[in-house]
N, C-alpha and C. Protein backbone atom coordinates (compact mmCIF):
# COMPACT_ATOMS: atom_id res chain seq x y z
N MET A 1 -36.15 -97.06 -182.84
CA MET A 1 -36.28 -96.90 -182.17
C MET A 1 -34.80 -95.97 -181.37
N ARG A 2 -34.56 -95.04 -181.26
CA ARG A 2 -33.67 -93.78 -180.65
C ARG A 2 -34.01 -93.37 -179.70
N ARG A 3 -33.68 -93.09 -178.09
CA ARG A 3 -34.22 -92.21 -177.21
C ARG A 3 -33.10 -91.99 -176.33
N SER A 4 -32.64 -90.87 -176.22
CA SER A 4 -31.34 -89.96 -175.05
C SER A 4 -32.36 -90.42 -173.64
N ILE A 5 -30.83 -90.97 -173.01
CA ILE A 5 -31.63 -91.37 -171.70
C ILE A 5 -30.75 -90.16 -170.65
N ASP A 6 -29.74 -89.92 -170.98
CA ASP A 6 -29.02 -88.96 -169.90
C ASP A 6 -27.57 -88.58 -170.75
N ASP A 7 -27.17 -87.30 -169.83
CA ASP A 7 -25.70 -87.17 -170.82
C ASP A 7 -25.18 -86.13 -169.37
N ALA A 8 -23.71 -86.21 -169.40
CA ALA A 8 -23.03 -84.83 -168.66
C ALA A 8 -21.92 -85.17 -169.00
N THR A 9 -21.40 -84.50 -168.22
CA THR A 9 -19.11 -84.14 -168.61
C THR A 9 -18.39 -85.09 -166.93
N ASP A 10 -17.66 -85.27 -167.46
CA ASP A 10 -16.65 -86.17 -165.92
C ASP A 10 -16.85 -84.93 -164.94
N ASP A 11 -16.12 -85.07 -163.97
CA ASP A 11 -15.60 -83.93 -162.62
C ASP A 11 -14.58 -83.61 -162.92
N HIS A 12 -13.42 -83.82 -163.79
CA HIS A 12 -12.66 -83.27 -163.54
C HIS A 12 -12.34 -81.88 -163.78
N PRO A 13 -11.69 -80.85 -163.36
CA PRO A 13 -10.83 -79.45 -162.89
C PRO A 13 -11.19 -79.01 -164.39
N PRO A 14 -11.33 -78.23 -164.51
CA PRO A 14 -11.18 -77.76 -166.26
C PRO A 14 -9.72 -77.11 -166.99
N ASP A 15 -8.86 -77.03 -165.86
CA ASP A 15 -7.57 -76.47 -166.12
C ASP A 15 -6.73 -77.71 -165.79
N ASP A 16 -7.39 -78.98 -165.78
CA ASP A 16 -6.76 -80.31 -165.71
C ASP A 16 -5.87 -80.32 -167.03
N ASP A 17 -4.76 -80.56 -167.67
CA ASP A 17 -3.90 -80.31 -168.78
C ASP A 17 -3.72 -81.71 -169.29
N GLU A 18 -3.21 -82.77 -168.21
CA GLU A 18 -3.38 -84.16 -168.63
C GLU A 18 -4.33 -84.90 -168.94
N ARG A 19 -5.71 -84.15 -168.79
CA ARG A 19 -7.04 -85.08 -168.58
C ARG A 19 -8.26 -84.07 -169.38
N PRO A 20 -8.19 -83.94 -170.32
CA PRO A 20 -9.22 -83.11 -170.71
C PRO A 20 -10.69 -83.36 -170.34
N PRO A 21 -11.48 -82.70 -170.24
CA PRO A 21 -13.20 -82.78 -169.88
C PRO A 21 -13.45 -83.81 -171.08
N VAL A 22 -14.19 -84.56 -170.32
CA VAL A 22 -15.29 -85.92 -171.28
C VAL A 22 -16.39 -85.59 -170.69
N SER A 23 -16.87 -85.71 -172.37
CA SER A 23 -18.42 -85.87 -172.11
C SER A 23 -18.96 -87.07 -172.29
N TRP A 24 -20.05 -88.03 -171.30
CA TRP A 24 -20.59 -88.65 -171.32
C TRP A 24 -22.15 -89.16 -171.99
N ALA A 25 -23.23 -90.30 -173.02
CA ALA A 25 -24.11 -89.79 -172.99
C ALA A 25 -24.72 -91.15 -173.07
N VAL A 26 -26.10 -91.83 -172.40
CA VAL A 26 -26.63 -92.82 -172.58
C VAL A 26 -27.87 -92.55 -173.29
N ALA A 27 -28.18 -93.78 -174.52
CA ALA A 27 -29.10 -93.70 -175.04
C ALA A 27 -29.86 -94.99 -174.85
N LEU A 28 -30.55 -95.64 -175.64
CA LEU A 28 -31.35 -96.72 -176.31
C LEU A 28 -31.30 -96.31 -177.80
N SER A 29 -31.24 -98.16 -178.34
CA SER A 29 -31.46 -98.04 -178.94
C SER A 29 -31.98 -99.43 -180.28
N ASP A 30 -32.51 -99.48 -181.34
CA ASP A 30 -32.47 -101.01 -181.80
C ASP A 30 -32.21 -100.79 -183.52
N ASP A 31 -31.56 -99.71 -183.92
CA ASP A 31 -31.24 -99.59 -185.57
C ASP A 31 -30.21 -100.18 -185.65
N CYS A 32 -29.03 -100.82 -184.65
CA CYS A 32 -27.92 -101.48 -184.55
C CYS A 32 -27.95 -102.18 -185.98
N ASP A 33 -27.67 -102.12 -187.60
CA ASP A 33 -27.58 -103.18 -188.19
C ASP A 33 -26.46 -104.49 -187.97
N ALA A 34 -25.55 -104.12 -187.51
CA ALA A 34 -24.30 -105.34 -187.35
C ALA A 34 -24.85 -105.81 -186.10
N CYS A 35 -25.65 -105.42 -185.01
CA CYS A 35 -26.04 -105.96 -183.39
C CYS A 35 -27.20 -106.84 -183.97
N GLY A 36 -27.82 -106.85 -184.71
CA GLY A 36 -29.17 -107.51 -185.22
C GLY A 36 -30.16 -106.94 -185.57
N ALA A 37 -31.15 -106.29 -186.44
CA ALA A 37 -31.71 -105.93 -186.51
C ALA A 37 -33.12 -106.08 -185.42
N GLY A 38 -33.42 -104.63 -184.43
CA GLY A 38 -34.59 -105.04 -184.06
C GLY A 38 -34.26 -105.95 -182.66
N GLU A 39 -32.61 -105.74 -181.96
CA GLU A 39 -32.02 -106.04 -181.02
C GLU A 39 -31.97 -104.75 -179.96
N PRO A 40 -32.87 -104.79 -179.04
CA PRO A 40 -32.65 -103.51 -177.99
C PRO A 40 -30.91 -103.73 -177.32
N ARG A 41 -30.39 -101.91 -177.82
CA ARG A 41 -29.13 -101.87 -177.12
C ARG A 41 -29.15 -100.53 -176.86
N VAL A 42 -28.46 -100.62 -175.25
CA VAL A 42 -28.17 -99.55 -174.39
C VAL A 42 -26.38 -99.16 -174.96
N VAL A 43 -26.87 -97.75 -175.57
CA VAL A 43 -25.46 -97.23 -176.44
C VAL A 43 -24.72 -96.36 -175.60
N LEU A 44 -23.54 -96.38 -175.29
CA LEU A 44 -22.74 -95.74 -174.22
C LEU A 44 -21.21 -94.47 -174.98
N THR A 45 -22.13 -93.29 -175.29
CA THR A 45 -20.69 -92.31 -175.84
C THR A 45 -19.97 -91.45 -174.65
N VAL A 46 -18.73 -91.77 -174.98
CA VAL A 46 -17.68 -91.06 -174.75
C VAL A 46 -16.61 -90.64 -175.68
N GLU A 47 -16.77 -89.12 -175.57
CA GLU A 47 -15.98 -88.36 -175.99
C GLU A 47 -15.62 -86.84 -175.48
N ASP A 48 -14.55 -86.33 -175.80
CA ASP A 48 -14.09 -85.22 -175.63
C ASP A 48 -14.52 -83.95 -175.48
N VAL A 49 -15.12 -83.14 -174.96
CA VAL A 49 -15.81 -81.94 -174.74
C VAL A 49 -15.42 -81.36 -176.41
N GLY A 50 -16.42 -80.61 -176.53
CA GLY A 50 -16.17 -80.17 -178.05
C GLY A 50 -15.62 -81.00 -179.05
N GLN A 51 -15.63 -82.30 -178.77
CA GLN A 51 -15.69 -83.07 -180.14
C GLN A 51 -16.48 -83.67 -180.45
N ALA A 52 -17.56 -83.33 -180.36
CA ALA A 52 -19.08 -84.62 -180.81
C ALA A 52 -18.81 -85.11 -182.15
N GLY A 53 -18.86 -86.66 -182.34
CA GLY A 53 -18.59 -87.27 -183.43
C GLY A 53 -17.33 -87.65 -183.75
N LEU A 54 -16.80 -87.83 -182.53
CA LEU A 54 -15.20 -88.19 -182.66
C LEU A 54 -15.24 -88.97 -181.48
N GLY A 55 -15.68 -89.21 -180.94
CA GLY A 55 -15.39 -90.52 -179.63
C GLY A 55 -15.77 -91.57 -179.65
N LEU A 56 -16.13 -92.02 -179.01
CA LEU A 56 -16.24 -94.14 -178.69
C LEU A 56 -17.75 -94.58 -178.34
N VAL A 57 -18.74 -95.83 -179.02
CA VAL A 57 -19.91 -95.68 -179.14
C VAL A 57 -19.85 -96.96 -178.66
N ALA A 58 -20.68 -97.55 -178.06
CA ALA A 58 -20.39 -98.68 -177.63
C ALA A 58 -22.05 -99.22 -177.01
N HIS A 59 -22.45 -100.14 -177.90
CA HIS A 59 -23.69 -100.93 -178.08
C HIS A 59 -23.66 -102.18 -177.70
N LEU A 60 -24.47 -101.63 -175.54
CA LEU A 60 -24.14 -103.14 -175.10
C LEU A 60 -25.35 -103.86 -175.07
N ALA A 61 -25.42 -104.84 -175.23
CA ALA A 61 -26.39 -105.76 -175.03
C ALA A 61 -27.05 -105.64 -173.39
N PRO A 62 -27.71 -106.02 -173.19
CA PRO A 62 -28.79 -105.93 -172.00
C PRO A 62 -28.18 -106.42 -170.74
N ALA A 63 -27.35 -107.61 -171.34
CA ALA A 63 -26.06 -108.31 -170.18
C ALA A 63 -25.30 -108.18 -170.16
N THR A 64 -24.24 -107.13 -171.01
CA THR A 64 -23.44 -106.15 -170.82
C THR A 64 -23.81 -104.77 -170.23
N ALA A 65 -24.88 -104.28 -170.42
CA ALA A 65 -25.10 -103.22 -169.17
C ALA A 65 -24.80 -103.25 -168.01
N ARG A 66 -25.58 -104.30 -167.46
CA ARG A 66 -26.09 -104.76 -166.56
C ARG A 66 -24.73 -104.97 -165.74
N ARG A 67 -24.00 -105.85 -166.51
CA ARG A 67 -22.55 -105.94 -165.96
C ARG A 67 -21.41 -104.89 -165.88
N LEU A 68 -21.99 -103.89 -167.06
CA LEU A 68 -21.06 -102.30 -166.40
C LEU A 68 -22.20 -101.82 -165.21
N ARG A 69 -23.37 -101.57 -164.91
CA ARG A 69 -24.05 -100.68 -163.87
C ARG A 69 -23.20 -101.93 -162.63
N ALA A 70 -22.96 -103.00 -162.30
CA ALA A 70 -22.88 -103.99 -161.69
C ALA A 70 -20.96 -103.73 -161.29
N ALA A 71 -20.24 -102.91 -162.17
CA ALA A 71 -18.71 -102.27 -161.89
C ALA A 71 -19.08 -100.71 -161.25
N VAL A 72 -20.20 -100.60 -161.18
CA VAL A 72 -20.00 -98.68 -161.50
C VAL A 72 -20.40 -98.96 -159.77
N ALA A 73 -21.53 -99.91 -159.38
CA ALA A 73 -21.83 -99.80 -157.86
C ALA A 73 -20.88 -100.17 -157.42
N ALA A 74 -19.79 -101.39 -157.71
CA ALA A 74 -18.77 -101.75 -156.53
C ALA A 74 -17.71 -100.92 -156.96
N ALA A 75 -17.73 -100.12 -157.59
CA ALA A 75 -16.82 -98.88 -157.79
C ALA A 75 -16.90 -97.56 -156.39
N LEU A 76 -18.21 -98.00 -156.58
CA LEU A 76 -19.06 -96.64 -155.45
C LEU A 76 -19.21 -97.19 -154.02
N ARG A 77 -19.43 -98.44 -154.04
CA ARG A 77 -18.97 -99.30 -152.69
C ARG A 77 -17.73 -99.09 -152.16
N GLU A 78 -16.15 -99.45 -152.76
CA GLU A 78 -15.40 -98.95 -152.55
C GLU A 78 -14.79 -97.73 -151.71
N VAL A 79 -15.49 -96.72 -152.53
CA VAL A 79 -14.71 -95.68 -152.23
C VAL A 79 -16.47 -94.89 -151.09
N GLY A 80 -17.05 -95.69 -150.59
CA GLY A 80 -17.60 -95.93 -149.54
C GLY A 80 -19.22 -95.54 -149.79
N GLU A 81 -19.48 -94.98 -150.91
CA GLU A 81 -21.05 -94.60 -151.25
C GLU A 81 -22.20 -95.82 -151.57
N ASP A 82 -23.30 -95.52 -151.24
CA ASP A 82 -24.30 -96.15 -151.45
C ASP A 82 -24.53 -96.16 -153.12
N PRO A 83 -24.27 -97.69 -153.56
CA PRO A 83 -24.58 -96.92 -154.97
C PRO A 83 -26.15 -96.68 -155.52
N GLY A 84 -27.31 -96.82 -154.86
CA GLY A 84 -28.42 -96.69 -154.83
C GLY A 84 -28.79 -98.04 -155.82
N PRO A 85 -30.24 -97.74 -156.21
CA PRO A 85 -30.83 -98.69 -156.71
C PRO A 85 -30.21 -99.36 -158.17
């Protein structure tokens, strides 16, 4: 099973020479042989825009995905934003 959930680019200005634009994608997969056959994973891909296939791909177990979600929520609270559901 593979299913795309969402994807976008980061919010750096396009003319920032020090930080090239980055794309991210979140998907679901259960076909990571090294993770254990049939084990569901949240797949997070981060790569330079225009460099598809050359980025980093993280296969997160549900507990690790929840930890990442909590970290993003904490960062949003730190900048005064509601982290949402």
